[in-house]
C-alpha atoms as a PDB file:
ATOM      1  CA  MET A   1      -0.040   0.047   0.018  1.00  0.00           C
ATOM      2  CA  VAL A   2       1.196   3.431  -1.001  1.00  0.00           C
ATOM      3  CA  TYR A   3       1.101   6.780   1.075  1.00  0.00           C
ATOM      4  CA  ASP A   4       2.230   9.611  -0.865  1.00  0.00           C
ATOM      5  CA  PHE A   5       2.110  13.009   0.593  1.00  0.00           C
ATOM      6  CA  HIS A   6       3.427  15.348  -2.007  1.00  0.00           C
ATOM      7  CA  THR A   7       1.748  15.749  -5.498  1.00  0.00           C
ATOM      8  CA  HIS A   8       0.736  18.316  -7.847  1.00  0.00           C
ATOM      9  CA  THR A   9      -2.059  18.915 -10.359  1.00  0.00           C
ATOM     10  CA  PHE A  10      -2.982  21.413 -12.949  1.00  0.00           C
ATOM     11  CA  LEU A  11      -3.940  23.868 -10.215  1.00  0.00           C
ATOM     12  CA  SER A  12      -0.319  24.541 -10.075  1.00  0.00           C
ATOM     13  CA  ASP A  13       2.267  23.087 -12.378  1.00  0.00           C
ATOM     14  CA  GLY A  14       1.014  19.580 -12.744  1.00  0.00           C
ATOM     15  CA  ILE A  15      -1.081  18.110 -15.827  1.00  0.00           C
ATOM     16  CA  ASN A  16      -4.015  16.303 -14.070  1.00  0.00           C
ATOM     17  CA  SER A  17      -6.823  17.573 -12.445  1.00  0.00           C
ATOM     18  CA  PRO A  18      -7.315  16.717  -8.628  1.00  0.00           C
ATOM     19  CA  ILE A  19      -9.843  14.148  -9.067  1.00  0.00           C
ATOM     20  CA  GLU A  20      -7.892  12.631 -12.121  1.00  0.00           C
ATOM     21  CA  LEU A  21      -4.620  12.320 -10.280  1.00  0.00           C
ATOM     22  CA  ILE A  22      -6.554  10.710  -7.262  1.00  0.00           C
ATOM     23  CA  ARG A  23      -8.303   8.252  -9.661  1.00  0.00           C
ATOM     24  CA  PHE A  24      -4.958   7.229 -11.033  1.00  0.00           C
ATOM     25  CA  ALA A  25      -3.772   6.532  -7.475  1.00  0.00           C
ATOM     26  CA  VAL A  26      -6.444   4.368  -6.634  1.00  0.00           C
ATOM     27  CA  ALA A  27      -5.822   2.268  -9.856  1.00  0.00           C
ATOM     28  CA  ALA A  28      -2.148   2.181  -8.736  1.00  0.00           C
ATOM     29  CA  GLY A  29      -3.073   0.731  -5.498  1.00  0.00           C
ATOM     30  CA  TYR A  30      -2.457   3.839  -3.243  1.00  0.00           C
ATOM     31  CA  LYS A  31      -3.928   3.855   0.327  1.00  0.00           C
ATOM     32  CA  CYS A  32      -3.413   7.630   0.664  1.00  0.00           C
ATOM     33  CA  ILE A  33      -2.641  10.482  -1.660  1.00  0.00           C
ATOM     34  CA  ALA A  34      -2.139  14.373  -0.601  1.00  0.00           C
ATOM     35  CA  ILE A  35      -2.830  17.116  -3.222  1.00  0.00           C
ATOM     36  CA  THR A  36      -0.222  19.768  -2.438  1.00  0.00           C
ATOM     37  CA  ASP A  37      -0.146  22.315  -5.193  1.00  0.00           C
ATOM     38  CA  HIS A  38       2.387  25.195  -5.054  1.00  0.00           C
ATOM     39  CA  ALA A  39       0.998  27.938  -3.052  1.00  0.00           C
ATOM     40  CA  SER A  40       1.364  31.408  -1.293  1.00  0.00           C
ATOM     41  CA  TYR A  41      -0.978  34.085  -0.292  1.00  0.00           C
ATOM     42  CA  SER A  42      -1.787  34.779  -3.870  1.00  0.00           C
ATOM     43  CA  ASN A  43      -3.710  31.478  -4.452  1.00  0.00           C
ATOM     44  CA  LEU A  44      -4.089  29.709  -1.150  1.00  0.00           C
ATOM     45  CA  ASP A  45      -7.954  30.575  -0.763  1.00  0.00           C
ATOM     46  CA  TYR A  46      -8.781  29.352  -4.243  1.00  0.00           C
ATOM     47  CA  LEU A  47      -6.374  26.058  -4.171  1.00  0.00           C
ATOM     48  CA  ILE A  48      -7.657  24.947  -0.655  1.00  0.00           C
ATOM     49  CA  LYS A  49     -11.469  25.361  -1.529  1.00  0.00           C
ATOM     50  CA  LYS A  50     -11.009  23.663  -4.757  1.00  0.00           C
ATOM     51  CA  VAL A  51      -9.132  20.770  -3.807  1.00  0.00           C
ATOM     52  CA  LYS A  52     -11.187  19.884  -0.612  1.00  0.00           C
ATOM     53  CA  LYS A  53     -14.023  19.443  -2.949  1.00  0.00           C
ATOM     54  CA  ASP A  54     -12.345  16.928  -5.133  1.00  0.00           C
ATOM     55  CA  CYS A  55     -10.677  15.117  -1.940  1.00  0.00           C
ATOM     56  CA  LYS A  56     -14.179  14.751  -0.506  1.00  0.00           C
ATOM     57  CA  LEU A  57     -15.489  13.620  -3.771  1.00  0.00           C
ATOM     58  CA  ALA A  58     -12.859  10.876  -3.956  1.00  0.00           C
ATOM     59  CA  GLU A  59     -13.249   9.649  -0.317  1.00  0.00           C
ATOM     60  CA  ASP A  60     -16.928   9.568  -0.702  1.00  0.00           C
ATOM     61  CA  TYR A  61     -16.851   7.085  -3.701  1.00  0.00           C
ATOM     62  CA  TRP A  62     -13.402   5.399  -3.551  1.00  0.00           C
ATOM     63  CA  ASP A  63     -11.324   3.375  -1.071  1.00  0.00           C
ATOM     64  CA  ILE A  64      -8.588   6.066  -0.653  1.00  0.00           C
ATOM     65  CA  THR A  65      -7.662   8.692   1.923  1.00  0.00           C
ATOM     66  CA  ALA A  66      -7.342  12.060  -0.099  1.00  0.00           C
ATOM     67  CA  ILE A  67      -5.712  15.035   1.788  1.00  0.00           C
ATOM     68  CA  PRO A  68      -6.355  18.707   0.712  1.00  0.00           C
ATOM     69  CA  GLY A  69      -2.929  20.323   1.499  1.00  0.00           C
ATOM     70  CA  VAL A  70      -0.516  22.959   0.056  1.00  0.00           C
ATOM     71  CA  GLU A  71       3.256  23.276  -0.748  1.00  0.00           C
ATOM     72  CA  LEU A  72       4.349  26.696   0.158  1.00  0.00           C
ATOM     73  CA  THR A  73       6.807  27.513  -2.557  1.00  0.00           C
ATOM     74  CA  ASN A  74       9.653  29.994  -2.808  1.00  0.00           C
ATOM     75  CA  VAL A  75       7.945  32.421  -0.426  1.00  0.00           C
ATOM     76  CA  PRO A  76       9.785  34.698   1.868  1.00  0.00           C
ATOM     77  CA  SER A  77      11.512  32.427   4.594  1.00  0.00           C
ATOM     78  CA  LYS A  78      10.345  34.652   7.475  1.00  0.00           C
ATOM     79  CA  SER A  79       6.629  34.370   6.074  1.00  0.00           C
ATOM     80  CA  ILE A  80       6.308  30.605   6.423  1.00  0.00           C
ATOM     81  CA  ASN A  81       4.844  30.370   9.925  1.00  0.00           C
ATOM     82  CA  ASP A  82       2.183  32.881   9.451  1.00  0.00           C
ATOM     83  CA  MET A  83       1.554  31.688   5.903  1.00  0.00           C
ATOM     84  CA  ALA A  84       1.319  27.934   7.062  1.00  0.00           C
ATOM     85  CA  LYS A  85      -1.229  29.121   9.857  1.00  0.00           C
ATOM     86  CA  TYR A  86      -3.388  30.928   7.225  1.00  0.00           C
ATOM     87  CA  ALA A  87      -3.443  27.820   5.119  1.00  0.00           C
ATOM     88  CA  LYS A  88      -4.507  25.635   8.203  1.00  0.00           C
ATOM     89  CA  ASP A  89      -7.194  28.202   8.835  1.00  0.00           C
ATOM     90  CA  LEU A  90      -8.545  27.789   5.479  1.00  0.00           C
ATOM     91  CA  GLY A  91      -8.844  24.160   6.018  1.00  0.00           C
ATOM     92  CA  ALA A  92      -5.635  22.866   4.485  1.00  0.00           C
ATOM     93  CA  LYS A  93      -5.085  19.464   6.430  1.00  0.00           C
ATOM     94  CA  LEU A  94      -1.280  19.234   5.427  1.00  0.00           C
ATOM     95  CA  VAL A  95       1.175  22.125   5.022  1.00  0.00           C
ATOM     96  CA  VAL A  96       4.458  21.114   3.064  1.00  0.00           C
ATOM     97  CA  VAL A  97       7.201  23.640   2.626  1.00  0.00           C
ATOM     98  CA  HIS A  98       9.318  23.538  -0.525  1.00  0.00           C
ATOM     99  CA  GLY A  99      12.886  23.097   0.874  1.00  0.00           C
ATOM    100  CA  GLU A 100      16.221  24.406  -0.105  1.00  0.00           C
ATOM    101  CA  THR A 101      16.690  21.930  -3.167  1.00  0.00           C
ATOM    102  CA  ILE A 102      20.103  22.235  -4.995  1.00  0.00           C
ATOM    103  CA  VAL A 103      18.138  22.812  -8.446  1.00  0.00           C
ATOM    104  CA  GLU A 104      16.350  25.968  -7.476  1.00  0.00           C
ATOM    105  CA  GLU A 105      17.251  29.413  -6.158  1.00  0.00           C
ATOM    106  CA  VAL A 106      15.220  28.834  -2.786  1.00  0.00           C
ATOM    107  CA  GLU A 107      15.936  31.553  -0.190  1.00  0.00           C
ATOM    108  CA  ALA A 108      18.495  30.433   2.445  1.00  0.00           C
ATOM    109  CA  GLY A 109      16.761  29.933   5.815  1.00  0.00           C
ATOM    110  CA  THR A 110      13.618  28.185   4.490  1.00  0.00           C
ATOM    111  CA  ASN A 111      14.609  24.917   5.775  1.00  0.00           C
ATOM    112  CA  TRP A 112      15.149  26.422   9.031  1.00  0.00           C
ATOM    113  CA  GLU A 113      11.951  28.496   9.220  1.00  0.00           C
ATOM    114  CA  ALA A 114      10.067  25.388   8.206  1.00  0.00           C
ATOM    115  CA  VAL A 115      11.470  23.012  10.888  1.00  0.00           C
ATOM    116  CA  ASN A 116      10.612  25.466  13.563  1.00  0.00           C
ATOM    117  CA  SER A 117       6.946  26.218  12.404  1.00  0.00           C
ATOM    118  CA  ARG A 118       4.161  25.400  14.568  1.00  0.00           C
ATOM    119  CA  TYR A 119       2.112  24.848  11.707  1.00  0.00           C
ATOM    120  CA  VAL A 120       4.319  23.018   9.064  1.00  0.00           C
ATOM    121  CA  ASP A 121       3.968  19.398   8.727  1.00  0.00           C
ATOM    122  CA  LEU A 122       6.564  18.208   6.200  1.00  0.00           C
ATOM    123  CA  LEU A 123       9.733  19.673   4.769  1.00  0.00           C
ATOM    124  CA  ALA A 124      10.269  18.673   1.095  1.00  0.00           C
ATOM    125  CA  HIS A 125      13.529  17.973  -0.551  1.00  0.00           C
ATOM    126  CA  PRO A 126      15.757  20.148   1.925  1.00  0.00           C
ATOM    127  CA  GLY A 127      18.811  19.971  -0.190  1.00  0.00           C
ATOM    128  CA  LEU A 128      21.998  20.044   1.818  1.00  0.00           C
ATOM    129  CA  PHE A 129      20.096  19.481   4.941  1.00  0.00           C
ATOM    130  CA  SER A 130      22.113  20.614   8.036  1.00  0.00           C
ATOM    131  CA  PRO A 131      22.630  18.658  11.280  1.00  0.00           C
ATOM    132  CA  LYS A 132      21.332  21.742  12.904  1.00  0.00           C
ATOM    133  CA  GLU A 133      18.194  21.832  10.789  1.00  0.00           C
ATOM    134  CA  ALA A 134      17.785  18.008  11.454  1.00  0.00           C
ATOM    135  CA  GLU A 135      17.875  18.322  15.157  1.00  0.00           C
ATOM    136  CA  ALA A 136      15.044  21.028  14.983  1.00  0.00           C
ATOM    137  CA  ALA A 137      13.065  18.997  12.803  1.00  0.00           C
ATOM    138  CA  ALA A 138      13.299  15.996  15.114  1.00  0.00           C
ATOM    139  CA  LYS A 139      12.575  18.138  18.146  1.00  0.00           C
ATOM    140  CA  ASN A 140       9.669  19.694  16.704  1.00  0.00           C
ATOM    141  CA  GLY A 141       8.207  16.790  15.182  1.00  0.00           C
ATOM    142  CA  ILE A 142       8.518  18.020  11.465  1.00  0.00           C
ATOM    143  CA  TYR A 143       8.838  15.007   8.993  1.00  0.00           C
ATOM    144  CA  ILE A 144      11.322  15.044   6.338  1.00  0.00           C
ATOM    145  CA  GLU A 145      11.012  13.925   2.733  1.00  0.00           C
ATOM    146  CA  ILE A 146      12.913  11.540   0.685  1.00  0.00           C
ATOM    147  CA  THR A 147      11.833  12.156  -2.948  1.00  0.00           C
ATOM    148  CA  SER A 148      11.802  10.470  -6.115  1.00  0.00           C
ATOM    149  CA  ARG A 149      11.616  13.785  -8.017  1.00  0.00           C
ATOM    150  CA  VAL A 150      14.286  14.130 -10.631  1.00  0.00           C
ATOM    151  CA  GLY A 151      16.898  16.905  -9.539  1.00  0.00           C
ATOM    152  CA  HIS A 152      15.431  17.226  -5.926  1.00  0.00           C
ATOM    153  CA  SER A 153      16.424  13.488  -5.384  1.00  0.00           C
ATOM    154  CA  LEU A 154      20.105  14.266  -5.921  1.00  0.00           C
ATOM    155  CA  THR A 155      20.760  15.135  -2.128  1.00  0.00           C
ATOM    156  CA  ASN A 156      18.696  12.113  -0.638  1.00  0.00           C
ATOM    157  CA  GLY A 157      21.849  10.741   0.713  1.00  0.00           C
ATOM    158  CA  ILE A 158      22.757  13.933   2.472  1.00  0.00           C
ATOM    159  CA  VAL A 159      19.049  14.254   3.860  1.00  0.00           C
ATOM    160  CA  VAL A 160      19.250  10.529   5.243  1.00  0.00           C
ATOM    161  CA  LYS A 161      22.627  10.975   6.879  1.00  0.00           C
ATOM    162  CA  ALA A 162      21.743  14.295   8.822  1.00  0.00           C
ATOM    163  CA  GLY A 163      18.323  13.086   9.575  1.00  0.00           C
ATOM    164  CA  ARG A 164      19.262   9.692  10.685  1.00  0.00           C
ATOM    165  CA  GLU A 165      21.773  11.292  13.023  1.00  0.00           C
ATOM    166  CA  ALA A 166      19.290  13.515  14.527  1.00  0.00           C
ATOM    167  CA  GLY A 167      16.483  10.965  14.510  1.00  0.00           C
ATOM    168  CA  VAL A 168      14.000  12.561  12.276  1.00  0.00           C
ATOM    169  CA  ARG A 169      10.959  10.795  10.887  1.00  0.00           C
ATOM    170  CA  PHE A 170      11.241  10.297   6.889  1.00  0.00           C
ATOM    171  CA  LEU A 171       8.492   9.953   4.452  1.00  0.00           C
ATOM    172  CA  ILE A 172       8.960   8.607   0.731  1.00  0.00           C
ATOM    173  CA  ASP A 173       7.039  11.047  -1.608  1.00  0.00           C
ATOM    174  CA  SER A 174       6.775  11.269  -5.397  1.00  0.00           C
ATOM    175  CA  ASP A 175       6.373  14.977  -5.816  1.00  0.00           C
ATOM    176  CA  SER A 176       4.291  13.780  -8.857  1.00  0.00           C
ATOM    177  CA  HIS A 177       3.491  16.287 -11.429  1.00  0.00           C
ATOM    178  CA  SER A 178       1.742  13.854 -13.567  1.00  0.00           C
ATOM    179  CA  HIS A 179      -0.027  10.389 -13.129  1.00  0.00           C
ATOM    180  CA  LYS A 180       3.083   9.063 -14.725  1.00  0.00           C
ATOM    181  CA  ASP A 181       5.066  10.136 -11.707  1.00  0.00           C
ATOM    182  CA  LEU A 182       3.209   8.059  -9.232  1.00  0.00           C
ATOM    183  CA  PHE A 183       4.656   5.166  -7.586  1.00  0.00           C
ATOM    184  CA  LEU A 184       4.026   1.748  -9.252  1.00  0.00           C
ATOM    185  CA  ASN A 185       4.930  -1.708  -8.036  1.00  0.00           C
ATOM    186  CA  ASP A 186       7.938  -1.424  -5.618  1.00  0.00           C
ATOM    187  CA  PHE A 187       9.306   1.610  -6.916  1.00  0.00           C
ATOM    188  CA  GLN A 188       8.858   3.574  -3.640  1.00  0.00           C
ATOM    189  CA  GLU A 189      10.927   0.921  -1.773  1.00  0.00           C
ATOM    190  CA  LYS A 190      13.720   1.412  -4.564  1.00  0.00           C
ATOM    191  CA  VAL A 191      13.871   5.061  -3.846  1.00  0.00           C
ATOM    192  CA  ALA A 192      14.215   4.363  -0.018  1.00  0.00           C
ATOM    193  CA  LYS A 193      16.933   1.919  -0.733  1.00  0.00           C
ATOM    194  CA  GLY A 194      18.750   4.282  -3.271  1.00  0.00           C
ATOM    195  CA  ALA A 195      18.660   7.058  -0.590  1.00  0.00           C
ATOM    196  CA  GLY A 196      20.682   4.645   1.607  1.00  0.00           C
ATOM    197  CA  LEU A 197      17.994   3.685   4.073  1.00  0.00           C
ATOM    198  CA  GLU A 198      18.358   0.370   5.722  1.00  0.00           C
ATOM    199  CA  ALA A 199      15.548  -2.324   5.485  1.00  0.00           C
ATOM    200  CA  ASP A 200      14.631  -1.777   8.960  1.00  0.00           C
ATOM    201  CA  GLU A 201      14.381   1.966   8.498  1.00  0.00           C
ATOM    202  CA  ILE A 202      12.387   1.433   5.376  1.00  0.00           C
ATOM    203  CA  ARG A 203      10.018  -0.958   7.314  1.00  0.00           C
ATOM    204  CA  ASP A 204       9.387   1.701   9.983  1.00  0.00           C
ATOM    205  CA  ILE A 205       8.584   4.378   7.425  1.00  0.00           C
ATOM    206  CA  PHE A 206       5.862   2.119   5.574  1.00  0.00           C
ATOM    207  CA  SER A 207       4.422   0.315   8.731  1.00  0.00           C
ATOM    208  CA  LYS A 208       4.907   3.328  11.317  1.00  0.00           C
ATOM    209  CA  ASN A 209       5.707   6.704   9.925  1.00  0.00           C
ATOM    210  CA  ASN A 210       3.007   6.966   7.460  1.00  0.00           C
ATOM    211  CA  LYS A 211       0.258   6.078  10.103  1.00  0.00           C
ATOM    212  CA  ASP A 212       1.815   8.517  12.809  1.00  0.00           C
ATOM    213  CA  PHE A 213       1.942  11.208  10.137  1.00  0.00           C
ATOM    214  CA  LEU A 214      -1.819  10.606   9.326  1.00  0.00           C
ATOM    215  CA  ALA A 215      -2.469  10.870  13.038  1.00  0.00           C
ATOM    216  CA  LYS A 216      -0.401  13.951  13.378  1.00  0.00           C
ATOM    217  CA  ILE A 217      -2.655  15.857  10.674  1.00  0.00           C
ATOM    218  CA  GLY A 218      -5.721  14.696  12.040  1.00  0.00           C
ATOM    219  CA  TYR A 219      -6.725  11.375  10.254  1.00  0.00           C
END
């Protein structure tokens, strides 16, 4: 069963509608999918209102947990906590922050503000993740992403090393921008192995972290 907490639709830079992407996820055997389109103050109200409707539609008719969320992307780092709170107040169940990937010019300090926010749930592709950032994430209960996304995945090994030493909780996400990016067969496990995670760590992510994360965000 696949749990995937980071995906995109045509409401930002993906190609599928939310309900269409969820349908492909159902067909692929997903247990849970989060719709987390790129967001800032310019579109948070619109995104959350629209995505909540398709997530409810999916859950009413299909056997899947569909989570309405957002990914705060390339926003001023000092705005993250307040913006994440605003998203939650609007009804987002999950707030992801677009971390300091090495393939984009994300503002320095974004990781730090994310892992110290009361309202952020998940830091995605944090790039050259530091021990200090990892320690704060572990202390504050912020989950950290290992990603299959091209480019962003280049630093998965660094993320695992820093996170493991600090005791952070990992999730394995697709950062899908198309139904073709969804995890099929055992690819999610292969991504975890390729990042350097050991068999027992992978087992914990699939059997424990996914369910604990759902409980954290109210499911």
